Amino acid sequence: MMYAITIDFLKNSDPILGRLIDQIGACQLNQYELEGDLFFCLSRSILHQQLSTKVAKVIHQRFLQLYPDTLFPSAQDVLDTPDEVLRGVGISRPKISYIKDLARHAIDGLPTLEELEVMDDEAIIKSLTRVKGVGRWTVQMLLIFRLKRWDVLPVDDLGVRAGIRKLYGLEALPDRKTTERFGQRWKPYCSIASWYLWRSLELKPV
């Protein structure tokens, strides 16, 4: 059980979260790994920005179907795709601009995933957010789901904030500072706590 020590820590440090953990069961964060190279991971996260998971998955699948001869489209593949073709699968014009800027950075030389492995979280965020459309949230998703960093709290994530509101009975969505205060009790396992908060939104009222 790779998360056993983590779960014990979270349940002891936050009994309210602990009850949610008991309700949901074993953490399955390791089953959500992003695949592909850095360009593919970041482009996927860009496509998911500000969309529901269901809608984002549909658009991403349509995007992949534009490249039937490869499992993961390359940066050059995307640059060679006309904007109107990308619009045709539901990608907004701003996101087309972001993905193509990311593709140009990838060709010019983004860090490899192997190079990122030895960097700390803030250094990775600083390095990658120079790409247009790649903000802190986008890099945090990479940190959690691809690089397996266990202490990432995406304070701007609506799902995390909605999960906190639901779990702790808040009247409104917590702001950034309030979310950070909750996160202090989960350190150094904020990524695992975030996963449970996301999952809490899927639970039906008893």
C-alpha atoms as a PDB file:
ATOM      1  CA  MET A   1       0.000   0.000   0.000  1.00  0.00           C
ATOM      2  CA  MET A   2       2.046   2.932  -1.299  1.00  0.00           C
ATOM      3  CA  TYR A   3      -0.127   5.541   0.434  1.00  0.00           C
ATOM      4  CA  ALA A   4      -0.550   3.829   3.826  1.00  0.00           C
ATOM      5  CA  ILE A   5       1.751   6.148   5.807  1.00  0.00           C
ATOM      6  CA  THR A   6       0.348   9.179   3.992  1.00  0.00           C
ATOM      7  CA  ILE A   7      -3.249   8.224   4.761  1.00  0.00           C
ATOM      8  CA  ASP A   8      -2.481   7.643   8.440  1.00  0.00           C
ATOM      9  CA  PHE A   9      -0.856  11.068   8.632  1.00  0.00           C
ATOM     10  CA  LEU A  10      -3.788  12.851   6.972  1.00  0.00           C
ATOM     11  CA  LYS A  11      -6.376  11.096   9.135  1.00  0.00           C
ATOM     12  CA  ASN A  12      -4.505  12.047  12.297  1.00  0.00           C
ATOM     13  CA  SER A  13      -3.831  15.648  11.272  1.00  0.00           C
ATOM     14  CA  ASP A  14      -7.364  16.312   9.972  1.00  0.00           C
ATOM     15  CA  PRO A  15     -10.130  14.042  11.334  1.00  0.00           C
ATOM     16  CA  ILE A  16     -12.752  15.645   9.055  1.00  0.00           C
ATOM     17  CA  LEU A  17     -10.700  14.760   5.995  1.00  0.00           C
ATOM     18  CA  GLY A  18     -10.113  11.391   7.649  1.00  0.00           C
ATOM     19  CA  ARG A  19     -13.826  10.614   7.575  1.00  0.00           C
ATOM     20  CA  LEU A  20     -13.881  11.442   3.865  1.00  0.00           C
ATOM     21  CA  ILE A  21     -10.919   9.132   3.309  1.00  0.00           C
ATOM     22  CA  ASP A  22     -12.770   6.301   5.067  1.00  0.00           C
ATOM     23  CA  GLN A  23     -15.821   6.962   2.899  1.00  0.00           C
ATOM     24  CA  ILE A  24     -13.923   6.989  -0.409  1.00  0.00           C
ATOM     25  CA  GLY A  25     -11.398   4.286   0.340  1.00  0.00           C
ATOM     26  CA  ALA A  26      -7.915   3.725  -1.009  1.00  0.00           C
ATOM     27  CA  CYS A  27      -6.191   6.557  -2.844  1.00  0.00           C
ATOM     28  CA  GLN A  28      -5.920   5.821  -6.561  1.00  0.00           C
ATOM     29  CA  LEU A  29      -3.909   8.859  -7.576  1.00  0.00           C
ATOM     30  CA  ASN A  30      -1.243   6.608  -9.077  1.00  0.00           C
ATOM     31  CA  GLN A  31      -3.799   5.387 -11.649  1.00  0.00           C
ATOM     32  CA  TYR A  32      -4.183   8.846 -13.185  1.00  0.00           C
ATOM     33  CA  GLU A  33      -0.695   9.258 -14.626  1.00  0.00           C
ATOM     34  CA  LEU A  34      -0.345  11.578 -17.612  1.00  0.00           C
ATOM     35  CA  GLU A  35       1.375   9.892 -20.533  1.00  0.00           C
ATOM     36  CA  GLY A  36       3.634  11.166 -23.281  1.00  0.00           C
ATOM     37  CA  ASP A  37       6.401  13.750 -23.328  1.00  0.00           C
ATOM     38  CA  LEU A  38       6.338  17.194 -21.739  1.00  0.00           C
ATOM     39  CA  PHE A  39       4.720  18.812 -24.778  1.00  0.00           C
ATOM     40  CA  PHE A  40       1.898  16.283 -24.787  1.00  0.00           C
ATOM     41  CA  CYS A  41       1.291  16.568 -21.027  1.00  0.00           C
ATOM     42  CA  LEU A  42       1.170  20.363 -21.075  1.00  0.00           C
ATOM     43  CA  SER A  43      -0.976  20.533 -24.206  1.00  0.00           C
ATOM     44  CA  ARG A  44      -3.468  18.179 -22.557  1.00  0.00           C
ATOM     45  CA  SER A  45      -3.582  20.378 -19.464  1.00  0.00           C
ATOM     46  CA  ILE A  46      -4.121  23.484 -21.604  1.00  0.00           C
ATOM     47  CA  LEU A  47      -7.079  21.813 -23.309  1.00  0.00           C
ATOM     48  CA  HIS A  48      -8.547  20.999 -19.884  1.00  0.00           C
ATOM     49  CA  GLN A  49      -8.337  24.575 -18.595  1.00  0.00           C
ATOM     50  CA  GLN A  50     -11.668  26.039 -17.421  1.00  0.00           C
ATOM     51  CA  LEU A  51     -13.678  23.083 -18.727  1.00  0.00           C
ATOM     52  CA  SER A  52     -15.528  20.299 -16.985  1.00  0.00           C
ATOM     53  CA  THR A  53     -13.688  16.992 -17.011  1.00  0.00           C
ATOM     54  CA  LYS A  54     -16.335  15.460 -19.287  1.00  0.00           C
ATOM     55  CA  VAL A  55     -16.187  18.209 -21.922  1.00  0.00           C
ATOM     56  CA  ALA A  56     -12.395  18.382 -21.799  1.00  0.00           C
ATOM     57  CA  LYS A  57     -12.068  14.631 -22.382  1.00  0.00           C
ATOM     58  CA  VAL A  58     -14.304  14.831 -25.464  1.00  0.00           C
ATOM     59  CA  ILE A  59     -12.320  17.702 -26.978  1.00  0.00           C
ATOM     60  CA  HIS A  60      -9.004  16.053 -26.179  1.00  0.00           C
ATOM     61  CA  GLN A  61     -10.115  12.807 -27.801  1.00  0.00           C
ATOM     62  CA  ARG A  62     -11.191  14.663 -30.939  1.00  0.00           C
ATOM     63  CA  PHE A  63      -7.832  16.438 -30.944  1.00  0.00           C
ATOM     64  CA  LEU A  64      -5.970  13.111 -30.815  1.00  0.00           C
ATOM     65  CA  GLN A  65      -8.095  11.737 -33.656  1.00  0.00           C
ATOM     66  CA  LEU A  66      -6.585  14.405 -35.922  1.00  0.00           C
ATOM     67  CA  TYR A  67      -3.342  12.405 -35.741  1.00  0.00           C
ATOM     68  CA  PRO A  68      -4.334   8.768 -36.369  1.00  0.00           C
ATOM     69  CA  ASP A  69      -0.807   7.655 -37.243  1.00  0.00           C
ATOM     70  CA  THR A  70       0.722   8.467 -33.862  1.00  0.00           C
ATOM     71  CA  LEU A  71      -0.129   7.847 -30.224  1.00  0.00           C
ATOM     72  CA  PHE A  72       1.086  11.282 -29.127  1.00  0.00           C
ATOM     73  CA  PRO A  73       1.162  14.145 -31.668  1.00  0.00           C
ATOM     74  CA  SER A  74       4.472  15.979 -31.772  1.00  0.00           C
ATOM     75  CA  ALA A  75       4.999  19.718 -31.506  1.00  0.00           C
ATOM     76  CA  GLN A  76       5.651  19.858 -35.249  1.00  0.00           C
ATOM     77  CA  ASP A  77       2.432  17.931 -35.941  1.00  0.00           C
ATOM     78  CA  VAL A  78       0.460  20.587 -34.086  1.00  0.00           C
ATOM     79  CA  LEU A  79       2.260  23.509 -35.731  1.00  0.00           C
ATOM     80  CA  ASP A  80       1.478  21.995 -39.130  1.00  0.00           C
ATOM     81  CA  THR A  81      -2.246  21.740 -38.321  1.00  0.00           C
ATOM     82  CA  PRO A  82      -4.303  24.705 -39.616  1.00  0.00           C
ATOM     83  CA  ASP A  83      -6.076  26.701 -36.936  1.00  0.00           C
ATOM     84  CA  GLU A  84      -9.468  26.057 -38.514  1.00  0.00           C
ATOM     85  CA  VAL A  85      -8.936  22.303 -38.242  1.00  0.00           C
ATOM     86  CA  LEU A  86      -8.236  22.693 -34.534  1.00  0.00           C
ATOM     87  CA  ARG A  87     -11.292  24.936 -34.182  1.00  0.00           C
ATOM     88  CA  GLY A  88     -13.308  22.191 -35.836  1.00  0.00           C
ATOM     89  CA  VAL A  89     -12.689  19.807 -32.928  1.00  0.00           C
ATOM     90  CA  GLY A  90     -13.827  22.380 -30.383  1.00  0.00           C
ATOM     91  CA  ILE A  91     -10.587  24.067 -29.338  1.00  0.00           C
ATOM     92  CA  SER A  92     -11.015  27.791 -28.682  1.00  0.00           C
ATOM     93  CA  ARG A  93      -8.883  30.310 -30.558  1.00  0.00           C
ATOM     94  CA  PRO A  94      -6.985  31.382 -27.405  1.00  0.00           C
ATOM     95  CA  LYS A  95      -6.129  27.759 -26.628  1.00  0.00           C
ATOM     96  CA  ILE A  96      -4.985  27.191 -30.211  1.00  0.00           C
ATOM     97  CA  SER A  97      -2.630  30.128 -29.734  1.00  0.00           C
ATOM     98  CA  TYR A  98      -1.401  28.678 -26.429  1.00  0.00           C
ATOM     99  CA  ILE A  99      -0.808  25.188 -27.812  1.00  0.00           C
ATOM    100  CA  LYS A 100       1.074  26.494 -30.830  1.00  0.00           C
ATOM    101  CA  ASP A 101       3.224  28.737 -28.638  1.00  0.00           C
ATOM    102  CA  LEU A 102       3.933  25.693 -26.487  1.00  0.00           C
ATOM    103  CA  ALA A 103       4.850  23.751 -29.641  1.00  0.00           C
ATOM    104  CA  ARG A 104       7.332  26.443 -30.680  1.00  0.00           C
ATOM    105  CA  HIS A 105       8.912  26.389 -27.229  1.00  0.00           C
ATOM    106  CA  ALA A 106       9.099  22.586 -27.391  1.00  0.00           C
ATOM    107  CA  ILE A 107      10.936  22.719 -30.703  1.00  0.00           C
ATOM    108  CA  ASP A 108      13.277  25.435 -29.429  1.00  0.00           C
ATOM    109  CA  GLY A 109      14.022  23.348 -26.360  1.00  0.00           C
ATOM    110  CA  LEU A 110      11.802  22.846 -23.316  1.00  0.00           C
ATOM    111  CA  PRO A 111      13.312  20.906 -20.410  1.00  0.00           C
ATOM    112  CA  THR A 112      12.852  17.165 -20.658  1.00  0.00           C
ATOM    113  CA  LEU A 113      10.817  15.285 -18.071  1.00  0.00           C
ATOM    114  CA  GLU A 114      14.078  13.762 -16.865  1.00  0.00           C
ATOM    115  CA  GLU A 115      15.525  17.233 -16.282  1.00  0.00           C
ATOM    116  CA  LEU A 116      12.395  18.295 -14.417  1.00  0.00           C
ATOM    117  CA  GLU A 117      12.661  15.279 -12.102  1.00  0.00           C
ATOM    118  CA  VAL A 118      15.671  16.807 -10.310  1.00  0.00           C
ATOM    119  CA  MET A 119      14.173  20.316 -10.019  1.00  0.00           C
ATOM    120  CA  ASP A 120      12.060  21.511  -7.101  1.00  0.00           C
ATOM    121  CA  ASP A 121       8.408  22.427  -7.625  1.00  0.00           C
ATOM    122  CA  GLU A 122       8.829  26.200  -7.717  1.00  0.00           C
ATOM    123  CA  ALA A 123      11.752  25.989 -10.151  1.00  0.00           C
ATOM    124  CA  ILE A 124       9.609  23.878 -12.482  1.00  0.00           C
ATOM    125  CA  ILE A 125       6.721  26.336 -12.243  1.00  0.00           C
ATOM    126  CA  LYS A 126       9.038  29.274 -12.983  1.00  0.00           C
ATOM    127  CA  SER A 127      10.587  27.470 -15.957  1.00  0.00           C
ATOM    128  CA  LEU A 128       7.344  26.420 -17.632  1.00  0.00           C
ATOM    129  CA  THR A 129       5.081  29.405 -16.984  1.00  0.00           C
ATOM    130  CA  ARG A 130       7.114  31.473 -19.448  1.00  0.00           C
ATOM    131  CA  VAL A 131       5.073  29.690 -22.125  1.00  0.00           C
ATOM    132  CA  LYS A 132       1.933  31.603 -23.073  1.00  0.00           C
ATOM    133  CA  GLY A 133      -1.158  29.951 -21.634  1.00  0.00           C
ATOM    134  CA  VAL A 134       0.798  27.802 -19.189  1.00  0.00           C
ATOM    135  CA  GLY A 135      -0.021  29.109 -15.742  1.00  0.00           C
ATOM    136  CA  ARG A 136       0.624  27.853 -12.274  1.00  0.00           C
ATOM    137  CA  TRP A 137      -2.415  25.521 -12.280  1.00  0.00           C
ATOM    138  CA  THR A 138      -1.332  23.877 -15.536  1.00  0.00           C
ATOM    139  CA  VAL A 139       2.128  23.130 -14.167  1.00  0.00           C
ATOM    140  CA  GLN A 140       0.672  21.902 -10.881  1.00  0.00           C
ATOM    141  CA  MET A 141      -1.344  19.284 -12.766  1.00  0.00           C
ATOM    142  CA  LEU A 142       1.924  18.126 -14.347  1.00  0.00           C
ATOM    143  CA  LEU A 143       3.554  18.009 -10.920  1.00  0.00           C
ATOM    144  CA  ILE A 144       0.741  15.926  -9.434  1.00  0.00           C
ATOM    145  CA  PHE A 145      -0.145  13.559 -12.258  1.00  0.00           C
ATOM    146  CA  ARG A 146       3.132  13.147 -14.180  1.00  0.00           C
ATOM    147  CA  LEU A 147       5.987  13.927 -11.819  1.00  0.00           C
ATOM    148  CA  LYS A 148       4.193  12.413  -8.802  1.00  0.00           C
ATOM    149  CA  ARG A 149       4.969  15.264  -6.424  1.00  0.00           C
ATOM    150  CA  TRP A 150       3.023  14.611  -3.222  1.00  0.00           C
ATOM    151  CA  ASP A 151       2.883  18.096  -1.714  1.00  0.00           C
ATOM    152  CA  VAL A 152       1.128  20.223  -4.336  1.00  0.00           C
ATOM    153  CA  LEU A 153      -1.979  22.218  -3.402  1.00  0.00           C
ATOM    154  CA  PRO A 154      -3.599  23.845  -6.474  1.00  0.00           C
ATOM    155  CA  VAL A 155      -5.270  26.709  -4.612  1.00  0.00           C
ATOM    156  CA  ASP A 156      -6.806  28.101  -7.809  1.00  0.00           C
ATOM    157  CA  ASP A 157      -8.483  24.805  -8.700  1.00  0.00           C
ATOM    158  CA  LEU A 158     -12.259  25.145  -8.479  1.00  0.00           C
ATOM    159  CA  GLY A 159     -12.641  21.454  -7.684  1.00  0.00           C
ATOM    160  CA  VAL A 160     -10.312  21.656  -4.693  1.00  0.00           C
ATOM    161  CA  ARG A 161     -12.050  24.790  -3.421  1.00  0.00           C
ATOM    162  CA  ALA A 162     -15.515  23.286  -3.955  1.00  0.00           C
ATOM    163  CA  GLY A 163     -14.388  20.153  -2.144  1.00  0.00           C
ATOM    164  CA  ILE A 164     -13.239  22.208   0.838  1.00  0.00           C
ATOM    165  CA  ARG A 165     -16.514  24.123   0.894  1.00  0.00           C
ATOM    166  CA  LYS A 166     -18.536  20.900   0.826  1.00  0.00           C
ATOM    167  CA  LEU A 167     -16.428  18.975   3.329  1.00  0.00           C
ATOM    168  CA  TYR A 168     -16.135  21.720   5.941  1.00  0.00           C
ATOM    169  CA  GLY A 169     -19.593  23.243   5.458  1.00  0.00           C
ATOM    170  CA  LEU A 170     -18.437  26.695   4.341  1.00  0.00           C
ATOM    171  CA  GLU A 171     -21.014  29.196   3.107  1.00  0.00           C
ATOM    172  CA  ALA A 172     -18.931  30.190   0.072  1.00  0.00           C
ATOM    173  CA  LEU A 173     -15.963  28.950  -1.904  1.00  0.00           C
ATOM    174  CA  PRO A 174     -12.772  29.560   0.077  1.00  0.00           C
ATOM    175  CA  ASP A 175     -10.390  32.147  -1.328  1.00  0.00           C
ATOM    176  CA  ARG A 176      -6.718  31.481  -1.983  1.00  0.00           C
ATOM    177  CA  LYS A 177      -5.564  32.345   1.546  1.00  0.00           C
ATOM    178  CA  THR A 178      -8.250  30.233   3.192  1.00  0.00           C
ATOM    179  CA  THR A 179      -7.389  27.304   0.925  1.00  0.00           C
ATOM    180  CA  GLU A 180      -3.725  27.688   1.837  1.00  0.00           C
ATOM    181  CA  ARG A 181      -4.616  27.659   5.546  1.00  0.00           C
ATOM    182  CA  PHE A 182      -6.470  24.376   5.126  1.00  0.00           C
ATOM    183  CA  GLY A 183      -3.467  23.042   3.247  1.00  0.00           C
ATOM    184  CA  GLN A 184      -1.155  23.624   6.198  1.00  0.00           C
ATOM    185  CA  ARG A 185      -2.725  20.695   8.033  1.00  0.00           C
ATOM    186  CA  TRP A 186      -2.124  18.369   5.057  1.00  0.00           C
ATOM    187  CA  LYS A 187       1.552  19.101   4.425  1.00  0.00           C
ATOM    188  CA  PRO A 188       3.623  17.328   3.138  1.00  0.00           C
ATOM    189  CA  TYR A 189       0.826  15.395   1.394  1.00  0.00           C
ATOM    190  CA  CYS A 190      -1.318  18.109  -0.197  1.00  0.00           C
ATOM    191  CA  SER A 191      -1.531  16.264  -3.529  1.00  0.00           C
ATOM    192  CA  ILE A 192      -3.177  13.278  -1.882  1.00  0.00           C
ATOM    193  CA  ALA A 193      -5.567  15.528   0.059  1.00  0.00           C
ATOM    194  CA  SER A 194      -6.426  17.296  -3.212  1.00  0.00           C
ATOM    195  CA  TRP A 195      -7.259  13.975  -4.836  1.00  0.00           C
ATOM    196  CA  TYR A 196      -9.742  13.180  -2.057  1.00  0.00           C
ATOM    197  CA  LEU A 197     -11.292  16.644  -2.360  1.00  0.00           C
ATOM    198  CA  TRP A 198     -11.811  16.096  -6.099  1.00  0.00           C
ATOM    199  CA  ARG A 199     -13.351  12.708  -5.441  1.00  0.00           C
ATOM    200  CA  SER A 200     -15.647  14.139  -2.754  1.00  0.00           C
ATOM    201  CA  LEU A 201     -17.533  16.044  -5.447  1.00  0.00           C
ATOM    202  CA  GLU A 202     -18.540  12.738  -7.038  1.00  0.00           C
ATOM    203  CA  LEU A 203     -20.211  11.444  -3.884  1.00  0.00           C
ATOM    204  CA  LYS A 204     -23.982  11.508  -3.832  1.00  0.00           C
ATOM    205  CA  PRO A 205     -25.692  12.922  -0.725  1.00  0.00           C
ATOM    206  CA  VAL A 206     -26.762  10.231   1.707  1.00  0.00           C
END
